[in-house]
C-alpha cells in the first residue's frame, strides 16, 4: 500500500476510499516541541526526530499492506523543563490533549479510526497530556496508538544513553539530527561539549522541575560529542519498528478494547505480563550481550525456530560478507516469529553458529549495530558456537531460536 501526506490529498480522495480500505488505514501524527537542545542542536530537534520516526514507521506499515496518512507535526507542546531558555515555546498541557483528541475524533468521523502518535518530546507534562488523550477517546469509536518511549517495554529497545535518562540533546538525539538534518547541527560546538551524564529520570523522581535544577545549565544531558549519523540512522529504524509493532498489535487485535488496556493503561506496571522475566543470578556475574536465563509467564506458547542462514526465498546465500549474513539470518529468524504475531523481545533463547570466531570478534561493532536495529536492548539466553562448516557451503552464520508467546 502507499504512504500519503494528508495535506496533499483532496477531500474527495479521502471520502471515496472504500470502507474496507478505510478499515486498513492509519493516520500518523508526529508530536514534538520547540525547546532548547543545548548550544549545538536546533530548537526543533524533537520535531525532526518525531517526523523521522513517523516516516520510518509509515514505510513499514505500508509494506504490511496498510494505507498510511501522514499528518503535519504537532510542534507546540508543554515544555516546562526548558521554559527558561530563550526560544522555547511552552504551551498548556490541556491544549495538547485537546488537539490530539480533536485530530483522532475528526479523522474518525470520516472513517479513519486509528491514529498513531510518533512522539519525541518526553517532558513529563507532555507525555501525560498524550496519555490523557488516549483515555479521552477510548469510548469514541476511535483508537490512539501511543508507544510511550518512557515505558520500559519500548525504552529497552533503544540505546544505553536513552535508557539512562541522560539523553536530552546528547548522543541519542544528536545522532538522529545528524542523520536527518546535518545542516542544522553546530558540529564545531558539539565536538567540544563535555559529557553531562546526569539522568533526567532521576531528576524527575527527585522532584526537579527544570533543566537547571536537574544539572543541565546549557540544556543538554548525555554525551553529545559522541553522536554520529550512522547511529542516528540505526535509531530511526528502531523507532520505525516500534511504531509499526504498536500499530499492528491494534490492527490485528480481535478486540479493540482489549488492545487499549494492554497497551496504554496508566494503572498497570511498565512491564507487560507477557514479557519474559530476566534471571541473572548475581553469583554468575553481570552478563554482557546475553541473559543467563529468561523465565516464561504461565500459559504461554513456545515457538521453535529452525536454524536460519542468510538465504533468500529461493534458498540461496547471495553474499559472503559476515555482517550481512548475520543481518539476513537474524531477519529470517524474526520473520518466523512475526508470522505468528510474535515480537523480537519474545525470543527467549538463541544459538548462533559461526564458522569463524575470529571473524565474529573482529566484526563485533558492526554486529552490535545490526543487533540493536533488530532486537533493541533485548538479549535472550544465548550461546555462540564455532563449527567447522554449515550445510550450505557459502553460509558462515546460522541462527536458531526459541520464542515464547502469550
Protein backbone atom coordinates (compact mmCIF):
# COMPACT_ATOMS: atom_id res chain seq x y z
CA UNK A 1 0.00 0.00 0.00
CA UNK A 2 1.01 3.65 -0.08
CA UNK A 3 2.07 6.43 2.25
CA UNK A 4 0.17 9.66 1.59
CA UNK A 5 0.65 13.12 3.00
CA UNK A 6 -2.86 14.05 4.12
CA UNK A 7 -2.44 17.72 3.21
CA UNK A 8 -1.62 16.76 -0.39
CA UNK A 9 -4.87 14.82 -0.93
CA UNK A 10 -8.21 16.23 -1.98
CA UNK A 11 -11.19 15.80 0.31
CA UNK A 12 -12.89 13.65 -2.30
CA UNK A 13 -9.92 11.26 -2.38
CA UNK A 14 -10.35 10.62 1.33
CA UNK A 15 -14.15 10.44 1.06
CA UNK A 16 -14.01 7.93 -1.77
CA UNK A 17 -11.82 5.39 0.00
CA UNK A 18 -13.90 2.18 0.11
CA UNK A 19 -14.94 1.12 3.64
CA UNK A 20 -12.66 -1.91 3.51
CA UNK A 21 -9.73 0.37 2.62
CA UNK A 22 -10.53 2.79 5.44
CA UNK A 23 -10.50 -0.16 7.82
CA UNK A 24 -6.86 -0.68 6.80
CA UNK A 25 -5.88 2.98 7.01
CA UNK A 26 -3.91 4.54 9.83
CA UNK A 27 -3.04 8.20 10.32
CA UNK A 28 0.36 9.03 11.80
CA UNK A 29 0.78 12.15 13.92
CA UNK A 30 4.34 13.26 14.78
CA UNK A 31 4.49 15.21 18.07
CA UNK A 32 7.39 17.23 19.40
CA UNK A 33 8.21 20.60 20.89
CA UNK A 34 10.08 23.79 20.18
CA UNK A 35 12.56 23.88 23.03
CA UNK A 36 16.23 24.33 23.90
CA UNK A 37 18.50 21.44 22.94
CA UNK A 38 21.89 22.64 24.07
CA UNK A 39 24.03 25.16 22.19
CA UNK A 40 24.52 22.74 19.29
CA UNK A 41 21.12 21.37 18.20
CA UNK A 42 18.13 23.29 16.79
CA UNK A 43 15.07 24.22 18.82
CA UNK A 44 13.06 21.92 16.57
CA UNK A 45 15.08 18.80 17.38
CA UNK A 46 12.10 16.92 18.81
CA UNK A 47 10.03 17.68 15.72
CA UNK A 48 12.82 16.42 13.45
CA UNK A 49 13.04 13.17 15.46
CA UNK A 50 9.26 12.68 15.58
CA UNK A 51 8.97 13.20 11.84
CA UNK A 52 11.77 10.69 11.20
CA UNK A 53 10.06 8.12 13.44
CA UNK A 54 6.74 8.74 11.69
CA UNK A 55 8.20 8.27 8.22
CA UNK A 56 10.15 5.15 9.18
CA UNK A 57 7.07 3.62 10.78
CA UNK A 58 4.83 4.65 7.88
CA UNK A 59 7.04 2.91 5.35
CA UNK A 60 6.98 -0.31 7.36
CA UNK A 61 3.21 -0.13 7.82
CA UNK A 62 2.70 0.41 4.09
CA UNK A 63 4.82 -2.69 3.46
CA UNK A 64 2.40 -4.54 5.77
CA UNK A 65 -0.48 -3.68 3.44
CA UNK A 66 -1.87 -0.61 5.20
CA UNK A 67 -2.73 2.79 3.81
CA UNK A 68 -0.89 5.47 5.79
CA UNK A 69 -1.88 9.12 6.05
CA UNK A 70 0.97 11.31 7.27
CA UNK A 71 -0.25 14.29 9.32
CA UNK A 72 1.67 17.55 9.81
CA UNK A 73 3.76 17.51 13.02
CA UNK A 74 2.21 18.92 16.18
CA UNK A 75 5.15 21.11 17.21
CA UNK A 76 3.70 23.12 20.09
CA UNK A 77 3.72 21.37 23.45
CA UNK A 78 4.16 21.85 27.19
CA UNK A 79 7.88 22.24 27.87
CA UNK A 80 8.25 23.38 31.49
CA UNK A 81 11.72 21.86 31.90
CA UNK A 82 13.12 24.08 29.13
CA UNK A 83 10.84 27.10 29.52
CA UNK A 84 13.57 29.34 30.98
CA UNK A 85 15.71 29.03 27.83
CA UNK A 86 15.28 31.55 25.02
CA UNK A 87 13.31 30.28 22.05
CA UNK A 88 11.44 27.58 23.95
CA UNK A 89 7.70 27.66 23.32
CA UNK A 90 5.85 26.37 26.40
CA UNK A 91 2.11 25.80 25.92
CA UNK A 92 -0.61 24.40 28.22
CA UNK A 93 -0.77 20.63 28.54
CA UNK A 94 -4.55 20.75 28.17
CA UNK A 95 -4.08 22.26 24.72
CA UNK A 96 -2.06 19.25 23.62
CA UNK A 97 -4.69 16.84 24.91
CA UNK A 98 -7.44 18.77 23.15
CA UNK A 99 -5.55 18.96 19.86
CA UNK A 100 -4.67 15.25 19.80
CA UNK A 101 -8.15 14.09 20.76
CA UNK A 102 -9.60 16.52 18.23
CA UNK A 103 -7.42 15.07 15.47
CA UNK A 104 -8.42 11.49 16.30
CA UNK A 105 -12.12 12.28 16.58
CA UNK A 106 -12.16 14.35 13.39
CA UNK A 107 -10.48 11.64 11.35
CA UNK A 108 -12.70 9.03 12.94
CA UNK A 109 -15.78 10.90 11.78
CA UNK A 110 -14.61 10.27 8.22
CA UNK A 111 -13.81 6.59 8.71
CA UNK A 112 -10.12 6.79 9.69
CA UNK A 113 -10.40 5.22 13.11
CA UNK A 114 -6.76 4.60 14.06
CA UNK A 115 -4.28 7.40 14.67
CA UNK A 116 -0.73 6.60 15.75
CA UNK A 117 1.40 9.09 17.68
CA UNK A 118 5.12 9.28 16.86
CA UNK A 119 6.33 11.23 19.87
CA UNK A 120 9.85 12.53 20.51
CA UNK A 121 9.20 15.01 23.33
CA UNK A 122 9.46 13.31 26.71
CA UNK A 123 8.81 16.14 29.15
CA UNK A 124 6.53 14.55 31.80
CA UNK A 125 3.85 17.20 31.23
CA UNK A 126 3.67 16.40 27.53
CA UNK A 127 3.73 12.62 27.99
CA UNK A 128 0.90 12.85 30.49
CA UNK A 129 -1.07 15.04 28.09
CA UNK A 130 -0.78 12.33 25.43
CA UNK A 131 -1.75 9.59 27.88
CA UNK A 132 -4.80 11.64 28.84
CA UNK A 133 -5.73 11.98 25.17
CA UNK A 134 -5.58 8.20 24.75
CA UNK A 135 -8.04 7.77 27.59
CA UNK A 136 -10.30 10.57 26.41
CA UNK A 137 -11.04 8.89 23.06
CA UNK A 138 -11.39 5.39 24.48
CA UNK A 139 -15.18 5.41 24.18
CA UNK A 140 -15.44 7.42 20.98
CA UNK A 141 -15.06 4.56 18.50
CA UNK A 142 -11.52 5.64 17.59
CA UNK A 143 -8.10 4.48 18.78
CA UNK A 144 -4.97 6.45 19.59
CA UNK A 145 -1.88 4.28 19.39
CA UNK A 146 0.80 5.76 21.64
CA UNK A 147 4.02 3.74 22.01
CA UNK A 148 5.26 5.71 25.01
CA UNK A 149 9.06 5.54 24.81
CA UNK A 150 9.33 6.36 28.51
CA UNK A 151 7.75 2.97 29.25
CA UNK A 152 10.21 0.13 29.78
CA UNK A 153 8.64 -2.02 27.10
CA UNK A 154 9.80 0.39 24.39
CA UNK A 155 12.74 2.10 26.12
CA UNK A 156 14.60 -1.19 26.42
CA UNK A 157 14.74 -1.29 22.60
CA UNK A 158 16.69 1.96 22.43
CA UNK A 159 20.26 2.98 23.24
CA UNK A 160 22.09 2.80 26.56
CA UNK A 161 22.10 6.59 26.77
CA UNK A 162 18.36 6.79 26.21
CA UNK A 163 17.68 4.22 28.91
CA UNK A 164 19.98 6.07 31.33
CA UNK A 165 17.75 9.16 31.12
CA UNK A 166 20.74 11.36 30.22
CA UNK A 167 19.71 11.76 26.60
CA UNK A 168 18.39 15.27 26.04
CA UNK A 169 20.48 16.77 23.21
CA UNK A 170 23.09 14.09 23.87
CA UNK A 171 24.38 11.27 21.71
CA UNK A 172 20.93 9.77 21.09
CA UNK A 173 19.21 12.92 19.84
CA UNK A 174 22.33 14.39 18.28
CA UNK A 175 22.82 11.25 16.19
CA UNK A 176 19.29 11.41 14.80
CA UNK A 177 19.59 15.07 13.85
CA UNK A 178 22.97 14.38 12.21
CA UNK A 179 21.25 11.70 10.14
CA UNK A 180 18.23 13.83 9.25
CA UNK A 181 19.32 17.48 9.21
CA UNK A 182 23.12 17.74 9.50
CA UNK A 183 22.91 21.29 8.16
CA UNK A 184 21.23 22.37 11.41
CA UNK A 185 23.87 20.93 13.75
CA UNK A 186 26.67 23.14 15.07
CA UNK A 187 29.31 20.46 14.88
CA UNK A 188 32.10 22.79 15.97
CA UNK A 189 30.26 23.35 19.24
CA UNK A 190 29.03 19.75 19.61
CA UNK A 191 32.55 18.32 19.41
CA UNK A 192 33.72 20.46 22.35
CA UNK A 193 30.88 19.73 24.77
CA UNK A 194 31.79 17.79 27.87
CA UNK A 195 29.65 14.81 28.80
CA UNK A 196 26.80 15.51 31.23
CA UNK A 197 25.70 12.08 32.49
CA UNK A 198 23.06 13.41 34.91
CA UNK A 199 19.82 11.46 34.46
CA UNK A 200 16.62 13.38 33.86
CA UNK A 201 14.69 10.31 35.01
CA UNK A 202 16.37 10.51 38.40
CA UNK A 203 15.89 14.29 38.45
CA UNK A 204 12.16 13.89 37.90
CA UNK A 205 12.00 11.35 40.71
CA UNK A 206 13.74 13.87 42.99
CA UNK A 207 11.12 16.45 42.14
CA UNK A 208 13.26 18.68 39.91
CA UNK A 209 11.16 20.71 37.50
CA UNK A 210 13.68 22.41 35.20
CA UNK A 211 16.81 21.55 33.27
CA UNK A 212 18.81 23.88 35.50
CA UNK A 213 17.62 22.11 38.67
CA UNK A 214 18.46 18.77 37.06
CA UNK A 215 22.03 19.87 36.35
CA UNK A 216 21.74 20.94 32.73
CA UNK A 217 22.62 24.61 32.77
CA UNK A 218 23.18 24.56 28.99
CA UNK A 219 20.07 22.45 28.29
CA UNK A 220 21.82 19.24 27.36
CA UNK A 221 22.39 15.86 29.02
CA UNK A 222 24.37 12.86 27.87
CA UNK A 223 27.34 12.62 25.52
CA UNK A 224 26.77 14.95 22.55
CA UNK A 225 30.34 14.74 21.24
CA UNK A 226 29.87 11.01 20.59
CA UNK A 227 26.91 11.46 18.22
CA UNK A 228 27.12 10.04 14.71
CA UNK A 229 24.85 9.96 11.68
CA UNK A 230 25.37 6.21 11.38
CA UNK A 231 23.98 5.62 14.85
CA UNK A 232 21.17 8.05 14.10
CA UNK A 233 20.04 6.01 11.10
CA UNK A 234 20.01 2.84 13.19
CA UNK A 235 17.95 4.54 15.91
CA UNK A 236 15.44 5.83 13.36
CA UNK A 237 14.95 2.32 12.03
CA UNK A 238 14.32 1.05 15.55
CA UNK A 239 11.82 3.84 16.17
CA UNK A 240 10.04 2.89 12.97
CA UNK A 241 9.86 -0.75 14.08
CA UNK A 242 8.40 0.34 17.43
CA UNK A 243 5.67 2.38 15.73
CA UNK A 244 4.96 -0.47 13.32
CA UNK A 245 4.63 -3.04 16.08
CA UNK A 246 2.37 -0.86 18.21
CA UNK A 247 0.01 -0.21 15.29
CA UNK A 248 -0.02 -3.81 14.09
CA UNK A 249 -1.00 -5.03 17.54
CA UNK A 250 -4.12 -2.90 17.30
CA UNK A 251 -4.88 -3.71 13.67
CA UNK A 252 -4.59 -7.45 14.33
CA UNK A 253 -6.47 -7.42 17.60
CA UNK A 254 -9.85 -9.12 17.71
CA UNK A 255 -10.96 -6.77 20.47
CA UNK A 256 -10.09 -3.09 20.31
CA UNK A 257 -10.95 -2.54 23.95
CA UNK A 258 -8.60 -5.33 24.99
CA UNK A 259 -5.79 -3.89 22.93
CA UNK A 260 -6.26 -0.49 24.54
CA UNK A 261 -5.98 -1.78 28.07
CA UNK A 262 -3.00 -3.92 27.12
CA UNK A 263 -1.03 -1.13 25.51
CA UNK A 264 -1.83 2.08 27.30
CA UNK A 265 -3.38 1.79 30.74
CA UNK A 266 -1.53 4.05 33.16
CA UNK A 267 -2.67 1.95 36.10
CA UNK A 268 -0.56 -1.03 35.11
CA UNK A 269 3.13 -1.74 35.54
CA UNK A 270 5.70 -0.73 32.93
CA UNK A 271 6.38 -4.43 32.43
CA UNK A 272 3.71 -6.24 30.46
CA UNK A 273 2.59 -9.60 31.81
CA UNK A 274 3.55 -11.33 28.56
CA UNK A 275 7.18 -10.25 28.71
CA UNK A 276 9.89 -12.68 29.72
CA UNK A 277 11.43 -12.19 33.16
CA UNK A 278 15.21 -11.90 33.10
CA UNK A 279 17.05 -14.22 35.52
CA UNK A 280 20.64 -13.10 36.18
CA UNK A 281 21.87 -14.61 39.48
CA UNK A 282 24.50 -12.27 41.00
CA UNK A 283 26.86 -15.15 41.73
CA UNK A 284 27.23 -15.70 37.97
CA UNK A 285 28.26 -12.10 37.34
CA UNK A 286 26.61 -9.50 35.13
CA UNK A 287 26.25 -10.84 31.56
CA UNK A 288 27.06 -8.63 28.59
CA UNK A 289 25.20 -9.20 25.33
CA UNK A 290 23.05 -12.05 26.67
CA UNK A 291 20.93 -13.10 29.65
CA UNK A 292 21.77 -16.03 31.91
CA UNK A 293 18.12 -17.04 31.88
CA UNK A 294 14.62 -15.94 30.91
CA UNK A 295 11.51 -17.12 32.73
CA UNK A 296 8.38 -17.58 30.61
CA UNK A 297 4.99 -16.49 32.00
CA UNK A 298 2.36 -19.09 32.83
CA UNK A 299 0.08 -20.10 29.99
CA UNK A 300 2.49 -19.07 27.23
CA UNK A 301 3.11 -20.83 23.93
CA UNK A 302 6.51 -21.91 22.65
CA UNK A 303 7.73 -21.38 19.09
CA UNK A 304 10.83 -23.27 17.96
CA UNK A 305 12.61 -21.58 15.05
CA UNK A 306 14.84 -23.77 12.91
CA UNK A 307 18.37 -22.70 12.12
CA UNK A 308 18.24 -19.81 9.67
CA UNK A 309 21.07 -18.79 7.36
CA UNK A 310 21.36 -15.76 5.09
CA UNK A 311 19.21 -17.38 2.41
CA UNK A 312 16.65 -15.67 0.20
CA UNK A 313 13.23 -17.08 -0.70
CA UNK A 314 14.90 -19.41 -3.22
CA UNK A 315 17.24 -20.78 -0.56
CA UNK A 316 20.31 -19.03 -1.99
CA UNK A 317 23.03 -17.27 0.03
CA UNK A 318 23.90 -14.24 -2.08
CA UNK A 319 26.63 -12.58 -0.02
CA UNK A 320 29.93 -13.64 1.56
CA UNK A 321 30.03 -10.65 3.92
CA UNK A 322 29.91 -11.91 7.52
CA UNK A 323 27.92 -8.95 8.90
CA UNK A 324 25.40 -9.08 6.06
CA UNK A 325 24.93 -12.81 6.60
CA UNK A 326 24.29 -12.23 10.31
CA UNK A 327 21.80 -9.47 9.41
CA UNK A 328 19.85 -11.64 6.96
CA UNK A 329 19.90 -14.72 9.21
CA UNK A 330 18.54 -12.71 12.15
CA UNK A 331 15.92 -11.15 9.86
CA UNK A 332 14.83 -14.62 8.80
CA UNK A 333 14.50 -15.73 12.43
CA UNK A 334 12.31 -12.73 13.25
CA UNK A 335 10.24 -13.29 10.11
CA UNK A 336 9.22 -16.66 11.55
CA UNK A 337 8.48 -15.10 14.95
CA UNK A 338 6.38 -12.32 13.47
CA UNK A 339 4.48 -14.77 11.24
CA UNK A 340 2.60 -15.92 14.35
CA UNK A 341 2.20 -12.45 15.84
CA UNK A 342 5.37 -12.51 17.93
CA UNK A 343 7.91 -9.77 18.58
CA UNK A 344 11.67 -9.65 18.88
CA UNK A 345 11.54 -9.25 22.67
CA UNK A 346 9.67 -12.56 22.93
CA UNK A 347 12.71 -14.51 21.72
CA UNK A 348 13.78 -16.36 24.85
CA UNK A 349 16.71 -18.43 23.64
CA UNK A 350 19.10 -18.16 20.71
CA UNK A 351 22.06 -20.14 19.46
CA UNK A 352 24.41 -18.55 16.92
CA UNK A 353 26.66 -20.87 14.92
CA UNK A 354 29.63 -19.31 13.12
CA UNK A 355 32.37 -20.84 11.01
CA UNK A 356 34.94 -18.31 12.26
CA UNK A 357 35.10 -16.99 15.80
CA UNK A 358 37.89 -14.67 14.67
CA UNK A 359 35.57 -13.00 12.16
CA UNK A 360 32.88 -12.71 14.80
CA UNK A 361 35.22 -10.94 17.21
CA UNK A 362 36.59 -8.63 14.51
CA UNK A 363 33.10 -7.61 13.40
CA UNK A 364 31.59 -7.06 16.85
CA UNK A 365 30.97 -3.28 16.47
CA UNK A 366 29.08 -3.77 13.20
CA UNK A 367 27.25 -6.81 14.58
CA UNK A 368 26.17 -4.75 17.59
CA UNK A 369 24.56 -2.19 15.27
CA UNK A 370 22.71 -4.97 13.42
CA UNK A 371 21.55 -6.40 16.75
CA UNK A 372 20.25 -3.06 18.03
CA UNK A 373 18.37 -2.47 14.80
CA UNK A 374 16.53 -5.78 15.07
CA UNK A 375 16.47 -6.55 18.79
CA UNK A 376 16.98 -3.23 20.54
CA UNK A 377 18.18 -3.85 24.09
CA UNK A 378 16.61 -7.32 24.34
CA UNK A 379 19.11 -10.09 24.97
CA UNK A 380 17.87 -13.71 25.14
CA UNK A 381 19.61 -16.59 26.84
CA UNK A 382 22.28 -17.19 24.20
CA UNK A 383 25.06 -19.49 23.10
CA UNK A 384 27.72 -18.76 20.48
CA UNK A 385 29.29 -21.82 18.87
CA UNK A 386 32.06 -22.16 16.31
CA UNK A 387 31.54 -25.02 13.88
CA UNK A 388 33.73 -26.47 11.17
CA UNK A 389 31.12 -25.92 8.46
CA UNK A 390 27.42 -25.38 7.82
CA UNK A 391 25.22 -27.34 5.43
CA UNK A 392 25.28 -24.56 2.86
CA UNK A 393 28.94 -24.25 1.90
CA UNK A 394 28.65 -20.49 1.42
CA UNK A 395 27.00 -19.84 4.79
CA UNK A 396 29.16 -18.52 7.63
CA UNK A 397 26.35 -17.80 10.14
CA UNK A 398 23.32 -19.82 11.26
CA UNK A 399 20.89 -18.78 13.99
CA UNK A 400 18.25 -20.88 15.71
CA UNK A 401 15.88 -19.58 18.35
CA UNK A 402 13.04 -20.29 20.73
CA UNK A 403 10.31 -17.70 21.26
CA UNK A 404 7.67 -17.56 23.99
CA UNK A 405 4.32 -16.04 23.03
CA UNK A 406 1.27 -15.23 25.20
